Amino acid sequence: MRVEVDFDLCQGHAECQAEAPDWFTVGKGSEAKVRAKRGEIPADQLAAVKDAVKYCPTQALSLVEDDRTTRSE
């Protein structure tokens, strides 16, 4: 699973950074846009990242299943 950011929606509220500071950083001032780490989210950070996505006021964040992940059903 990985994070995608819609930069057109992001307004720099920094809720994501508050929920998952190891994964997100938000700039200051007029350049306040989120920066998310790239790649697979480690299991120990997944709950915090899910909360960051959930509490984003503009819904600029989404979780995407990695295409390379094999799921057994």
Protein backbone atom coordinates (compact mmCIF):
# COMPACT_ATOMS: atom_id res chain seq x y z
CA MET A 1 0.00 0.00 0.00
CA ARG A 2 1.21 3.53 -0.79
CA VAL A 3 0.00 7.13 -0.49
CA GLU A 4 -1.10 9.34 -3.36
CA VAL A 5 -1.47 13.11 -2.93
CA ASP A 6 -3.78 15.32 -4.99
CA PHE A 7 -1.81 18.57 -4.89
CA ASP A 8 -4.75 20.49 -6.39
CA LEU A 9 -6.79 19.64 -3.26
CA CYS A 10 -4.05 20.03 -0.64
CA GLN A 11 -4.33 23.30 1.29
CA GLY A 12 -1.54 22.66 3.78
CA HIS A 13 -3.66 22.11 6.90
CA ALA A 14 -0.98 19.67 8.18
CA GLU A 15 -3.44 17.22 9.72
CA CYS A 16 -1.51 14.44 7.99
CA GLN A 17 1.73 15.59 9.60
CA ALA A 18 0.02 15.65 13.00
CA GLU A 19 -1.25 12.08 12.54
CA ALA A 20 1.83 10.54 10.89
CA PRO A 21 4.87 12.81 11.34
CA ASP A 22 7.27 10.09 10.23
CA TRP A 23 5.52 9.89 6.86
CA PHE A 24 4.32 13.45 6.06
CA THR A 25 5.81 16.93 6.19
CA VAL A 26 4.02 20.16 5.29
CA GLY A 27 5.75 23.37 4.27
CA LYS A 28 5.04 26.79 5.75
CA GLY A 29 3.41 29.89 4.32
CA SER A 30 2.18 30.14 0.74
CA GLU A 31 4.09 26.98 -0.20
CA ALA A 32 2.26 24.85 2.38
CA LYS A 33 1.87 21.59 0.52
CA VAL A 34 2.24 18.09 1.81
CA ARG A 35 5.25 15.91 1.08
CA ALA A 36 4.78 12.21 1.63
CA LYS A 37 7.43 9.55 1.63
CA ARG A 38 7.35 7.36 -1.44
CA GLY A 39 7.04 3.64 -1.57
CA GLU A 40 5.45 0.93 0.46
CA ILE A 41 4.14 1.97 3.87
CA PRO A 42 5.75 -0.09 6.65
CA ALA A 43 3.32 -2.12 8.76
CA ASP A 44 4.25 -0.23 11.93
CA GLN A 45 3.24 3.10 10.32
CA LEU A 46 0.16 1.96 8.42
CA ALA A 47 -2.39 2.80 11.14
CA ALA A 48 -1.03 6.35 11.49
CA VAL A 49 -1.00 6.87 7.72
CA LYS A 50 -4.60 5.59 7.47
CA ASP A 51 -5.60 8.12 10.14
CA ALA A 52 -3.82 10.87 8.20
CA VAL A 53 -5.80 9.98 5.08
CA LYS A 54 -9.05 9.78 7.07
CA TYR A 55 -8.63 13.15 8.77
CA CYS A 56 -7.39 15.17 5.77
CA PRO A 57 -9.91 18.07 5.64
CA THR A 58 -9.75 18.35 1.86
CA GLN A 59 -9.47 14.61 1.13
CA ALA A 60 -6.23 15.24 -0.76
CA LEU A 61 -4.72 11.92 0.36
CA SER A 62 -5.59 8.41 -0.71
CA LEU A 63 -4.21 4.94 -0.12
CA VAL A 64 -3.51 2.83 -3.16
CA GLU A 65 -2.87 -0.88 -3.21
CA ASP A 66 0.53 -1.53 -4.73
CA ASP A 67 0.12 -3.35 -8.07
CA ARG A 68 3.08 -5.57 -7.23
CA THR A 69 1.42 -6.89 -4.08
CA THR A 70 0.06 -10.39 -4.41
CA ARG A 71 -3.03 -11.06 -2.36
CA SER A 72 -4.31 -14.51 -1.59
CA GLU A 73 -8.05 -14.78 -1.18
